[in-house]
Amino acid sequence: MEQALRTQIEQIIPLTDQDYDILLSYFVRKKYKKHQFLIQDGEPVPYLYFIEKGLVKLVYTDDNAKQHIVDFAMEGWWETDLKAYYTQSLATMSLECIEDTQVYGLDLAGYNQVRKELPQLNEFILDKTHRGFIAAQQRILSMMKNNTAERFYELQERFPGIMQRVPKSLLAAYLGVSRETLSRLEK
């Protein structure tokens, strides 16, 4: 399964076997069960995660204890509480498994060191960063300008197969609608 990480990186930059061995030495591989947390609000954020297998949700809980799903991440996606990871501060969001999940985790020291050892990796990181910013901006704009039906179709387009993998209550929370509204859209 290590091939999934290499395949994703090699879509953007080439890696020799030696490069990949160096890169892989900085990652830890972890397995989590459904409902287990990779990150909990108020705790340190140890890793940037590459999702090898499974599905997670990034959740912000407001002062009224209402949960807002910021994002989902599935196979081939990267996820963490970025601000807490990069600033080494406490998490303001939680990352929880929706399914049993296998990840590769990269701590910040390893991230900084591997970028020095493999400078070509910076091109990959820049590409992923740009794509992440674009996706975040598109989600914000969608929430501001699109109606519920349009956001529902965007969800299906961005996350193929998600309707079969995620409970409707979570999909509704991601879209910012009630479960009943989501049920009407599915018809």
N, C-alpha and C. Protein backbone atom coordinates (compact mmCIF):
# COMPACT_ATOMS: atom_id res chain seq x y z
N MET A 1 0.81 -1.20 0.00
CA MET A 1 0.00 0.00 0.00
C MET A 1 0.85 1.26 0.00
N GLU A 2 2.12 1.14 0.29
CA GLU A 2 2.98 2.32 0.26
C GLU A 2 2.97 2.97 -1.12
N GLN A 3 2.55 2.22 -2.11
CA GLN A 3 2.56 2.72 -3.48
C GLN A 3 1.61 3.90 -3.66
N ALA A 4 0.54 3.98 -2.86
CA ALA A 4 -0.43 5.07 -3.01
C ALA A 4 0.24 6.43 -2.78
N LEU A 5 1.07 6.53 -1.78
CA LEU A 5 1.78 7.78 -1.49
C LEU A 5 2.73 8.12 -2.63
N ARG A 6 3.49 7.14 -3.05
CA ARG A 6 4.45 7.38 -4.13
C ARG A 6 3.75 7.76 -5.43
N THR A 7 2.68 7.06 -5.74
CA THR A 7 1.94 7.35 -6.97
C THR A 7 1.43 8.78 -6.97
N GLN A 8 0.91 9.23 -5.83
CA GLN A 8 0.40 10.59 -5.78
C GLN A 8 1.50 11.62 -5.99
N ILE A 9 2.62 11.42 -5.35
CA ILE A 9 3.73 12.37 -5.49
C ILE A 9 4.26 12.37 -6.92
N GLU A 10 4.35 11.17 -7.51
CA GLU A 10 4.90 11.07 -8.86
C GLU A 10 3.95 11.57 -9.95
N GLN A 11 2.74 11.91 -9.58
CA GLN A 11 1.87 12.58 -10.54
C GLN A 11 2.36 14.00 -10.79
N ILE A 12 3.19 14.51 -9.87
CA ILE A 12 3.67 15.88 -9.97
C ILE A 12 5.18 15.94 -10.16
N ILE A 13 5.92 15.12 -9.43
CA ILE A 13 7.39 15.12 -9.55
C ILE A 13 7.90 13.68 -9.62
N PRO A 14 9.02 13.46 -10.32
CA PRO A 14 9.59 12.11 -10.34
C PRO A 14 10.38 11.84 -9.06
N LEU A 15 10.40 10.58 -8.65
CA LEU A 15 11.18 10.16 -7.49
C LEU A 15 11.99 8.92 -7.85
N THR A 16 13.24 8.90 -7.46
CA THR A 16 14.01 7.67 -7.59
C THR A 16 13.64 6.78 -6.41
N ASP A 17 14.03 5.52 -6.47
CA ASP A 17 13.78 4.63 -5.34
C ASP A 17 14.46 5.16 -4.09
N GLN A 18 15.65 5.70 -4.25
CA GLN A 18 16.38 6.25 -3.10
C GLN A 18 15.65 7.47 -2.53
N ASP A 19 15.16 8.35 -3.41
CA ASP A 19 14.39 9.51 -2.95
C ASP A 19 13.18 9.05 -2.14
N TYR A 20 12.49 8.06 -2.67
CA TYR A 20 11.28 7.60 -2.01
C TYR A 20 11.60 6.96 -0.65
N ASP A 21 12.68 6.22 -0.57
CA ASP A 21 13.09 5.64 0.71
C ASP A 21 13.38 6.72 1.73
N ILE A 22 14.06 7.79 1.29
CA ILE A 22 14.33 8.92 2.19
C ILE A 22 13.02 9.54 2.65
N LEU A 23 12.13 9.82 1.71
CA LEU A 23 10.84 10.43 2.03
C LEU A 23 10.07 9.56 3.01
N LEU A 24 9.97 8.28 2.71
CA LEU A 24 9.19 7.37 3.53
C LEU A 24 9.74 7.26 4.95
N SER A 25 11.03 7.46 5.10
CA SER A 25 11.64 7.35 6.44
C SER A 25 11.13 8.44 7.39
N TYR A 26 10.56 9.49 6.86
CA TYR A 26 10.04 10.58 7.70
C TYR A 26 8.58 10.39 8.10
N PHE A 27 7.92 9.44 7.50
CA PHE A 27 6.51 9.19 7.78
C PHE A 27 6.35 8.06 8.80
N VAL A 28 5.29 8.16 9.58
CA VAL A 28 4.84 7.03 10.40
C VAL A 28 3.53 6.55 9.80
N ARG A 29 3.34 5.27 9.81
CA ARG A 29 2.09 4.70 9.29
C ARG A 29 1.23 4.31 10.48
N LYS A 30 -0.02 4.74 10.44
CA LYS A 30 -0.92 4.48 11.57
C LYS A 30 -2.27 3.97 11.06
N LYS A 31 -2.91 3.20 11.91
CA LYS A 31 -4.26 2.69 11.63
C LYS A 31 -5.19 3.16 12.73
N TYR A 32 -6.38 3.59 12.31
CA TYR A 32 -7.38 4.07 13.24
C TYR A 32 -8.70 3.37 12.95
N LYS A 33 -9.49 3.19 13.99
CA LYS A 33 -10.82 2.59 13.86
C LYS A 33 -11.86 3.68 13.63
N LYS A 34 -12.99 3.27 13.10
CA LYS A 34 -14.13 4.17 12.92
C LYS A 34 -14.42 4.88 14.25
N HIS A 35 -14.65 6.17 14.20
CA HIS A 35 -14.95 7.06 15.33
C HIS A 35 -13.72 7.44 16.15
N GLN A 36 -12.56 6.92 15.81
CA GLN A 36 -11.35 7.30 16.53
C GLN A 36 -10.87 8.66 16.03
N PHE A 37 -10.24 9.43 16.90
CA PHE A 37 -9.74 10.75 16.54
C PHE A 37 -8.26 10.69 16.18
N LEU A 38 -7.91 11.37 15.09
CA LEU A 38 -6.51 11.58 14.75
C LEU A 38 -6.04 12.87 15.42
N ILE A 39 -6.96 13.82 15.50
CA ILE A 39 -6.71 15.13 16.14
C ILE A 39 -7.94 15.46 16.98
N GLN A 40 -7.69 16.00 18.18
CA GLN A 40 -8.80 16.47 19.00
C GLN A 40 -8.63 17.94 19.33
N ASP A 41 -9.73 18.66 19.25
CA ASP A 41 -9.76 20.08 19.59
C ASP A 41 -9.10 20.29 20.95
N GLY A 42 -8.18 21.28 21.02
CA GLY A 42 -7.52 21.61 22.27
C GLY A 42 -6.25 20.83 22.56
N GLU A 43 -5.90 19.91 21.68
CA GLU A 43 -4.68 19.11 21.87
C GLU A 43 -3.67 19.45 20.79
N PRO A 44 -2.40 19.09 21.00
CA PRO A 44 -1.38 19.33 19.96
C PRO A 44 -1.70 18.54 18.69
N VAL A 45 -1.24 19.04 17.56
CA VAL A 45 -1.43 18.39 16.27
C VAL A 45 -0.09 17.80 15.83
N PRO A 46 0.06 16.49 15.97
CA PRO A 46 1.38 15.90 15.72
C PRO A 46 1.73 15.74 14.24
N TYR A 47 0.73 15.58 13.38
CA TYR A 47 1.04 15.19 12.00
C TYR A 47 0.18 15.90 10.95
N LEU A 48 0.76 15.96 9.78
CA LEU A 48 0.04 16.18 8.53
C LEU A 48 -0.23 14.78 8.03
N TYR A 49 -1.47 14.47 7.69
CA TYR A 49 -1.85 13.11 7.34
C TYR A 49 -2.12 12.94 5.85
N PHE A 50 -1.57 11.87 5.29
CA PHE A 50 -1.95 11.40 3.96
C PHE A 50 -2.88 10.22 4.19
N ILE A 51 -4.09 10.30 3.64
CA ILE A 51 -5.07 9.24 3.83
C ILE A 51 -4.80 8.14 2.79
N GLU A 52 -4.31 7.02 3.28
CA GLU A 52 -4.03 5.89 2.40
C GLU A 52 -5.31 5.11 2.11
N LYS A 53 -6.09 4.89 3.16
CA LYS A 53 -7.34 4.14 3.03
C LYS A 53 -8.29 4.66 4.10
N GLY A 54 -9.54 4.84 3.73
CA GLY A 54 -10.54 5.26 4.69
C GLY A 54 -11.08 6.65 4.42
N LEU A 55 -11.77 7.19 5.41
CA LEU A 55 -12.47 8.46 5.27
C LEU A 55 -12.51 9.15 6.63
N VAL A 56 -12.18 10.44 6.62
CA VAL A 56 -12.18 11.24 7.86
C VAL A 56 -12.96 12.52 7.65
N LYS A 57 -13.33 13.14 8.76
CA LYS A 57 -14.00 14.44 8.71
C LYS A 57 -13.23 15.41 9.59
N LEU A 58 -13.07 16.63 9.09
CA LEU A 58 -12.46 17.71 9.85
C LEU A 58 -13.61 18.56 10.39
N VAL A 59 -13.68 18.71 11.71
CA VAL A 59 -14.84 19.32 12.36
C VAL A 59 -14.43 20.48 13.26
N TYR A 60 -15.17 21.57 13.14
CA TYR A 60 -15.04 22.70 14.05
C TYR A 60 -16.28 22.70 14.94
N THR A 61 -16.08 22.77 16.25
CA THR A 61 -17.20 22.83 17.19
C THR A 61 -17.25 24.25 17.76
N ASP A 62 -18.39 24.92 17.55
CA ASP A 62 -18.50 26.32 17.98
C ASP A 62 -18.81 26.42 19.47
N ASP A 63 -18.94 27.64 19.96
CA ASP A 63 -19.15 27.88 21.39
C ASP A 63 -20.48 27.33 21.89
N ASN A 64 -21.41 27.06 20.98
CA ASN A 64 -22.71 26.49 21.35
C ASN A 64 -22.72 24.97 21.20
N ALA A 65 -21.54 24.40 21.02
CA ALA A 65 -21.35 22.95 20.86
C ALA A 65 -21.94 22.41 19.55
N LYS A 66 -22.18 23.30 18.60
CA LYS A 66 -22.65 22.86 17.29
C LYS A 66 -21.43 22.49 16.44
N GLN A 67 -21.52 21.32 15.81
CA GLN A 67 -20.41 20.85 14.98
C GLN A 67 -20.61 21.28 13.53
N HIS A 68 -19.53 21.82 12.96
CA HIS A 68 -19.52 22.24 11.57
C HIS A 68 -18.46 21.41 10.85
N ILE A 69 -18.87 20.69 9.82
CA ILE A 69 -17.91 19.89 9.08
C ILE A 69 -17.22 20.79 8.08
N VAL A 70 -15.93 20.97 8.29
CA VAL A 70 -15.11 21.82 7.44
C VAL A 70 -14.76 21.09 6.15
N ASP A 71 -14.45 19.80 6.28
CA ASP A 71 -14.05 19.04 5.10
C ASP A 71 -14.12 17.55 5.38
N PHE A 72 -14.16 16.80 4.32
CA PHE A 72 -13.97 15.36 4.34
C PHE A 72 -12.65 15.09 3.64
N ALA A 73 -12.01 13.99 3.97
CA ALA A 73 -10.80 13.57 3.26
C ALA A 73 -10.83 12.06 3.13
N MET A 74 -10.58 11.62 1.90
CA MET A 74 -10.60 10.18 1.61
C MET A 74 -9.28 9.78 0.98
N GLU A 75 -9.24 8.58 0.47
CA GLU A 75 -8.02 8.04 -0.11
C GLU A 75 -7.35 9.03 -1.05
N GLY A 76 -6.04 9.22 -0.82
CA GLY A 76 -5.27 10.10 -1.68
C GLY A 76 -5.32 11.57 -1.28
N TRP A 77 -6.01 11.91 -0.21
CA TRP A 77 -6.12 13.29 0.24
C TRP A 77 -5.18 13.52 1.42
N TRP A 78 -4.85 14.77 1.66
CA TRP A 78 -4.04 15.20 2.79
C TRP A 78 -4.94 16.00 3.72
N GLU A 79 -4.76 15.84 5.05
CA GLU A 79 -5.61 16.59 5.97
C GLU A 79 -4.91 16.77 7.30
N THR A 80 -5.20 17.88 7.95
CA THR A 80 -4.80 18.19 9.31
C THR A 80 -5.44 19.51 9.70
N ASP A 81 -5.26 19.93 10.92
CA ASP A 81 -5.60 21.29 11.33
C ASP A 81 -4.34 22.09 10.98
N LEU A 82 -4.32 22.69 9.82
CA LEU A 82 -3.10 23.31 9.29
C LEU A 82 -2.51 24.39 10.18
N LYS A 83 -3.35 25.26 10.69
CA LYS A 83 -2.83 26.34 11.53
C LYS A 83 -2.12 25.76 12.75
N ALA A 84 -2.75 24.83 13.42
CA ALA A 84 -2.14 24.24 14.62
C ALA A 84 -0.89 23.45 14.27
N TYR A 85 -0.90 22.77 13.15
CA TYR A 85 0.26 21.99 12.71
C TYR A 85 1.46 22.89 12.45
N TYR A 86 1.26 23.92 11.63
CA TYR A 86 2.37 24.79 11.25
C TYR A 86 2.84 25.72 12.36
N THR A 87 1.95 26.11 13.25
CA THR A 87 2.34 27.01 14.33
C THR A 87 2.65 26.25 15.62
N GLN A 88 2.45 24.93 15.57
CA GLN A 88 2.65 24.08 16.75
C GLN A 88 1.85 24.58 17.94
N SER A 89 0.62 24.99 17.64
CA SER A 89 -0.31 25.42 18.67
C SER A 89 -1.35 24.31 18.86
N LEU A 90 -2.30 24.53 19.74
CA LEU A 90 -3.32 23.52 20.00
C LEU A 90 -4.39 23.56 18.91
N ALA A 91 -4.94 22.40 18.64
CA ALA A 91 -5.95 22.26 17.59
C ALA A 91 -7.20 23.07 17.91
N THR A 92 -7.79 23.64 16.88
CA THR A 92 -9.08 24.30 17.01
C THR A 92 -10.16 23.48 16.31
N MET A 93 -9.74 22.37 15.71
CA MET A 93 -10.65 21.46 15.03
C MET A 93 -10.28 20.03 15.41
N SER A 94 -11.19 19.12 15.13
CA SER A 94 -10.94 17.70 15.36
C SER A 94 -10.94 16.98 14.03
N LEU A 95 -10.17 15.90 13.96
CA LEU A 95 -10.14 15.04 12.77
C LEU A 95 -10.53 13.65 13.22
N GLU A 96 -11.68 13.19 12.74
CA GLU A 96 -12.26 11.93 13.22
C GLU A 96 -12.52 10.98 12.06
N CYS A 97 -12.30 9.70 12.32
CA CYS A 97 -12.52 8.67 11.31
C CYS A 97 -14.01 8.39 11.14
N ILE A 98 -14.46 8.39 9.91
CA ILE A 98 -15.82 7.98 9.57
C ILE A 98 -15.81 6.48 9.27
N GLU A 99 -14.69 5.99 8.80
CA GLU A 99 -14.47 4.57 8.52
C GLU A 99 -13.13 4.18 9.16
N ASP A 100 -12.87 2.87 9.25
CA ASP A 100 -11.52 2.45 9.61
C ASP A 100 -10.57 3.10 8.61
N THR A 101 -9.47 3.64 9.09
CA THR A 101 -8.61 4.48 8.26
C THR A 101 -7.14 4.15 8.48
N GLN A 102 -6.37 4.16 7.39
CA GLN A 102 -4.92 4.02 7.44
C GLN A 102 -4.31 5.29 6.88
N VAL A 103 -3.33 5.81 7.59
CA VAL A 103 -2.71 7.07 7.20
C VAL A 103 -1.19 6.98 7.28
N TYR A 104 -0.56 7.91 6.58
CA TYR A 104 0.85 8.21 6.79
C TYR A 104 0.89 9.57 7.47
N GLY A 105 1.61 9.67 8.57
CA GLY A 105 1.73 10.93 9.29
C GLY A 105 3.13 11.50 9.16
N LEU A 106 3.20 12.80 8.94
CA LEU A 106 4.48 13.50 8.80
C LEU A 106 4.51 14.62 9.83
N ASP A 107 5.42 14.52 10.81
CA ASP A 107 5.51 15.59 11.80
C ASP A 107 6.22 16.81 11.20
N LEU A 108 6.10 17.94 11.87
CA LEU A 108 6.62 19.19 11.32
C LEU A 108 8.13 19.17 11.17
N ALA A 109 8.84 18.60 12.13
CA ALA A 109 10.31 18.52 12.02
C ALA A 109 10.69 17.68 10.80
N GLY A 110 10.01 16.57 10.60
CA GLY A 110 10.26 15.73 9.44
C GLY A 110 9.91 16.44 8.14
N TYR A 111 8.82 17.17 8.16
CA TYR A 111 8.39 17.94 6.99
C TYR A 111 9.48 18.93 6.58
N ASN A 112 9.99 19.66 7.56
CA ASN A 112 11.03 20.65 7.27
C ASN A 112 12.34 19.99 6.83
N GLN A 113 12.69 18.88 7.44
CA GLN A 113 13.94 18.20 7.10
C GLN A 113 13.87 17.55 5.71
N VAL A 114 12.77 16.89 5.41
CA VAL A 114 12.67 16.21 4.11
C VAL A 114 12.65 17.22 2.96
N ARG A 115 12.13 18.41 3.21
CA ARG A 115 12.16 19.46 2.18
C ARG A 115 13.59 19.90 1.89
N LYS A 116 14.45 19.85 2.90
CA LYS A 116 15.86 20.19 2.70
C LYS A 116 16.59 19.05 1.98
N GLU A 117 16.29 17.82 2.35
CA GLU A 117 16.97 16.68 1.75
C GLU A 117 16.52 16.41 0.33
N LEU A 118 15.25 16.67 0.07
CA LEU A 118 14.68 16.44 -1.26
C LEU A 118 14.02 17.74 -1.74
N PRO A 119 14.81 18.71 -2.17
CA PRO A 119 14.25 20.02 -2.53
C PRO A 119 13.20 19.94 -3.66
N GLN A 120 13.28 18.91 -4.49
CA GLN A 120 12.27 18.78 -5.55
C GLN A 120 10.87 18.54 -4.97
N LEU A 121 10.82 18.10 -3.72
CA LEU A 121 9.53 17.88 -3.07
C LEU A 121 8.77 19.19 -2.87
N ASN A 122 9.50 20.31 -2.83
CA ASN A 122 8.84 21.61 -2.67
C ASN A 122 7.86 21.90 -3.80
N GLU A 123 8.17 21.42 -5.00
CA GLU A 123 7.24 21.60 -6.13
C GLU A 123 5.93 20.85 -5.87
N PHE A 124 6.02 19.65 -5.34
CA PHE A 124 4.84 18.87 -4.99
C PHE A 124 4.03 19.60 -3.91
N ILE A 125 4.72 20.06 -2.88
CA ILE A 125 4.05 20.75 -1.77
C ILE A 125 3.37 22.02 -2.25
N LEU A 126 4.04 22.77 -3.10
CA LEU A 126 3.45 24.00 -3.63
C LEU A 126 2.20 23.69 -4.45
N ASP A 127 2.27 22.66 -5.27
CA ASP A 127 1.11 22.27 -6.07
C ASP A 127 -0.07 21.89 -5.17
N LYS A 128 0.19 21.07 -4.16
CA LYS A 128 -0.87 20.65 -3.24
C LYS A 128 -1.42 21.83 -2.44
N THR A 129 -0.54 22.75 -2.05
CA THR A 129 -0.97 23.94 -1.32
C THR A 129 -1.89 24.80 -2.19
N HIS A 130 -1.49 25.02 -3.42
CA HIS A 130 -2.34 25.81 -4.33
C HIS A 130 -3.70 25.16 -4.52
N ARG A 131 -3.70 23.85 -4.74
CA ARG A 131 -4.98 23.14 -4.93
C ARG A 131 -5.85 23.23 -3.68
N GLY A 132 -5.22 23.16 -2.51
CA GLY A 132 -5.97 23.26 -1.26
C GLY A 132 -6.58 24.64 -1.07
N PHE A 133 -5.80 25.69 -1.38
CA PHE A 133 -6.33 27.05 -1.28
C PHE A 133 -7.49 27.25 -2.25
N ILE A 134 -7.33 26.76 -3.46
CA ILE A 134 -8.41 26.89 -4.46
C ILE A 134 -9.67 26.20 -3.97
N ALA A 135 -9.53 24.98 -3.48
CA ALA A 135 -10.69 24.24 -2.99
C ALA A 135 -11.36 24.97 -1.83
N ALA A 136 -10.56 25.51 -0.91
CA ALA A 136 -11.13 26.24 0.23
C ALA A 136 -11.88 27.49 -0.24
N GLN A 137 -11.29 28.22 -1.17
CA GLN A 137 -11.95 29.41 -1.69
C GLN A 137 -13.25 29.04 -2.40
N GLN A 138 -13.23 27.97 -3.17
CA GLN A 138 -14.44 27.56 -3.89
C GLN A 138 -15.54 27.15 -2.92
N ARG A 139 -15.15 26.49 -1.84
CA ARG A 139 -16.15 26.09 -0.83
C ARG A 139 -16.76 27.33 -0.17
N ILE A 140 -15.94 28.29 0.18
CA ILE A 140 -16.44 29.53 0.79
C ILE A 140 -17.39 30.25 -0.17
N LEU A 141 -16.97 30.39 -1.41
CA LEU A 141 -17.83 31.06 -2.40
C LEU A 141 -19.14 30.29 -2.61
N SER A 142 -19.05 28.98 -2.65
CA SER A 142 -20.24 28.17 -2.83
C SER A 142 -21.22 28.38 -1.68
N MET A 143 -20.70 28.42 -0.45
CA MET A 143 -21.58 28.63 0.70
C MET A 143 -22.24 30.01 0.66
N MET A 144 -21.55 31.00 0.07
CA MET A 144 -22.08 32.36 0.02
C MET A 144 -23.07 32.56 -1.13
N LYS A 145 -22.84 31.90 -2.27
CA LYS A 145 -23.64 32.26 -3.44
C LYS A 145 -24.56 31.17 -3.96
N ASN A 146 -24.28 29.92 -3.66
CA ASN A 146 -25.07 28.84 -4.24
C ASN A 146 -26.20 28.40 -3.33
N ASN A 147 -27.28 27.95 -3.96
CA ASN A 147 -28.38 27.43 -3.17
C ASN A 147 -28.04 26.00 -2.73
N THR A 148 -28.88 25.45 -1.90
CA THR A 148 -28.62 24.13 -1.32
C THR A 148 -28.47 23.06 -2.39
N ALA A 149 -29.30 23.07 -3.40
CA ALA A 149 -29.22 22.06 -4.46
C ALA A 149 -27.88 22.13 -5.19
N GLU A 150 -27.43 23.34 -5.47
CA GLU A 150 -26.14 23.50 -6.16
C GLU A 150 -24.99 23.00 -5.28
N ARG A 151 -25.06 23.30 -3.99
CA ARG A 151 -24.01 22.81 -3.08
C ARG A 151 -24.04 21.29 -2.96
N PHE A 152 -25.22 20.71 -3.01
CA PHE A 152 -25.37 19.26 -2.96
C PHE A 152 -24.70 18.61 -4.18
N TYR A 153 -24.92 19.16 -5.35
CA TYR A 153 -24.31 18.59 -6.57
C TYR A 153 -22.80 18.80 -6.58
N GLU A 154 -22.34 19.93 -6.05
CA GLU A 154 -20.89 20.16 -5.93
C GLU A 154 -20.25 19.14 -4.99
N LEU A 155 -20.95 18.82 -3.90
CA LEU A 155 -20.47 17.82 -2.95
C LEU A 155 -20.27 16.48 -3.65
N GLN A 156 -21.25 16.07 -4.42
CA GLN A 156 -21.16 14.80 -5.14
C GLN A 156 -20.03 14.81 -6.16
N GLU A 157 -19.80 15.94 -6.79
CA GLU A 157 -18.74 16.05 -7.79
C GLU A 157 -17.36 16.03 -7.13
N ARG A 158 -17.23 16.73 -6.02
CA ARG A 158 -15.92 16.82 -5.34
C ARG A 158 -15.55 15.51 -4.65
N PHE A 159 -16.56 14.80 -4.13
CA PHE A 159 -16.33 13.55 -3.39
C PHE A 159 -17.11 12.41 -4.04
N PRO A 160 -16.63 11.88 -5.14
CA PRO A 160 -17.36 10.77 -5.79
C PRO A 160 -17.57 9.60 -4.83
N GLY A 161 -18.78 9.09 -4.80
CA GLY A 161 -19.10 7.94 -3.97
C GLY A 161 -19.37 8.26 -2.51
N ILE A 162 -19.32 9.53 -2.15
CA ILE A 162 -19.46 9.88 -0.73
C ILE A 162 -20.85 9.58 -0.19
N MET A 163 -21.85 9.64 -1.03
CA MET A 163 -23.23 9.42 -0.58
C MET A 163 -23.40 8.02 0.02
N GLN A 164 -22.61 7.06 -0.45
CA GLN A 164 -22.69 5.69 0.06
C GLN A 164 -21.79 5.48 1.28
N ARG A 165 -20.92 6.40 1.57
CA ARG A 165 -19.93 6.20 2.63
C ARG A 165 -20.18 7.02 3.89
N VAL A 166 -20.97 8.07 3.77
CA VAL A 166 -21.14 9.02 4.88
C VAL A 166 -22.61 9.09 5.29
N PRO A 167 -22.88 9.03 6.60
CA PRO A 167 -24.27 9.19 7.05
C PRO A 167 -24.85 10.53 6.60
N LYS A 168 -26.14 10.50 6.34
CA LYS A 168 -26.82 11.70 5.85
C LYS A 168 -26.70 12.88 6.83
N SER A 169 -26.66 12.60 8.11
CA SER A 169 -26.55 13.69 9.09
C SER A 169 -25.22 14.44 8.90
N LEU A 170 -24.15 13.74 8.56
CA LEU A 170 -22.85 14.38 8.33
C LEU A 170 -22.84 15.16 7.02
N LEU A 171 -23.47 14.59 6.00
CA LEU A 171 -23.55 15.30 4.71
C LEU A 171 -24.35 16.59 4.89
N ALA A 172 -25.43 16.52 5.65
CA ALA A 172 -26.25 17.71 5.91
C ALA A 172 -25.43 18.76 6.67
N ALA A 173 -24.65 18.32 7.65
CA ALA A 173 -23.82 19.26 8.41
C ALA A 173 -22.78 19.92 7.50
N TYR A 174 -22.21 19.17 6.58
CA TYR A 174 -21.23 19.73 5.65
C TYR A 174 -21.89 20.80 4.77
N LEU A 175 -23.11 20.53 4.34
CA LEU A 175 -23.82 21.45 3.45
C LEU A 175 -24.47 22.61 4.22
N GLY A 176 -24.57 22.49 5.53
CA GLY A 176 -25.20 23.54 6.33
C GLY A 176 -26.71 23.52 6.23
N VAL A 177 -27.28 22.31 6.09
CA VAL A 177 -28.74 22.17 5.97
C VAL A 177 -29.21 21.09 6.95
N SER A 178 -30.52 20.99 7.09
CA SER A 178 -31.09 19.94 7.93
C SER A 178 -31.06 18.61 7.18
N ARG A 179 -31.18 17.54 7.92
CA ARG A 179 -31.22 16.20 7.31
C ARG A 179 -32.46 16.07 6.40
N GLU A 180 -33.54 16.69 6.81
CA GLU A 180 -34.78 16.64 6.02
C GLU A 180 -34.59 17.32 4.67
N THR A 181 -33.91 18.46 4.67
CA THR A 181 -33.64 19.17 3.42
C THR A 181 -32.77 18.30 2.50
N LEU A 182 -31.78 17.65 3.07
CA LEU A 182 -30.92 16.76 2.28
C LEU A 182 -31.74 15.62 1.69
N SER A 183 -32.65 15.05 2.45
CA SER A 183 -33.48 13.95 1.95
C SER A 183 -34.31 14.40 0.75
N ARG A 184 -34.80 15.63 0.79
CA ARG A 184 -35.60 16.15 -0.34
C ARG A 184 -34.71 16.29 -1.58
N LEU A 185 -33.45 16.67 -1.40
CA LEU A 185 -32.54 16.84 -2.53
C LEU A 185 -32.20 15.52 -3.20
N GLU A 186 -32.18 14.45 -2.43
CA GLU A 186 -31.77 13.15 -2.96
C GLU A 186 -32.82 12.53 -3.87
N LYS A 187 -34.01 13.04 -3.84
CA LYS A 187 -35.09 12.45 -4.66
C LYS A 187 -34.95 12.79 -6.10
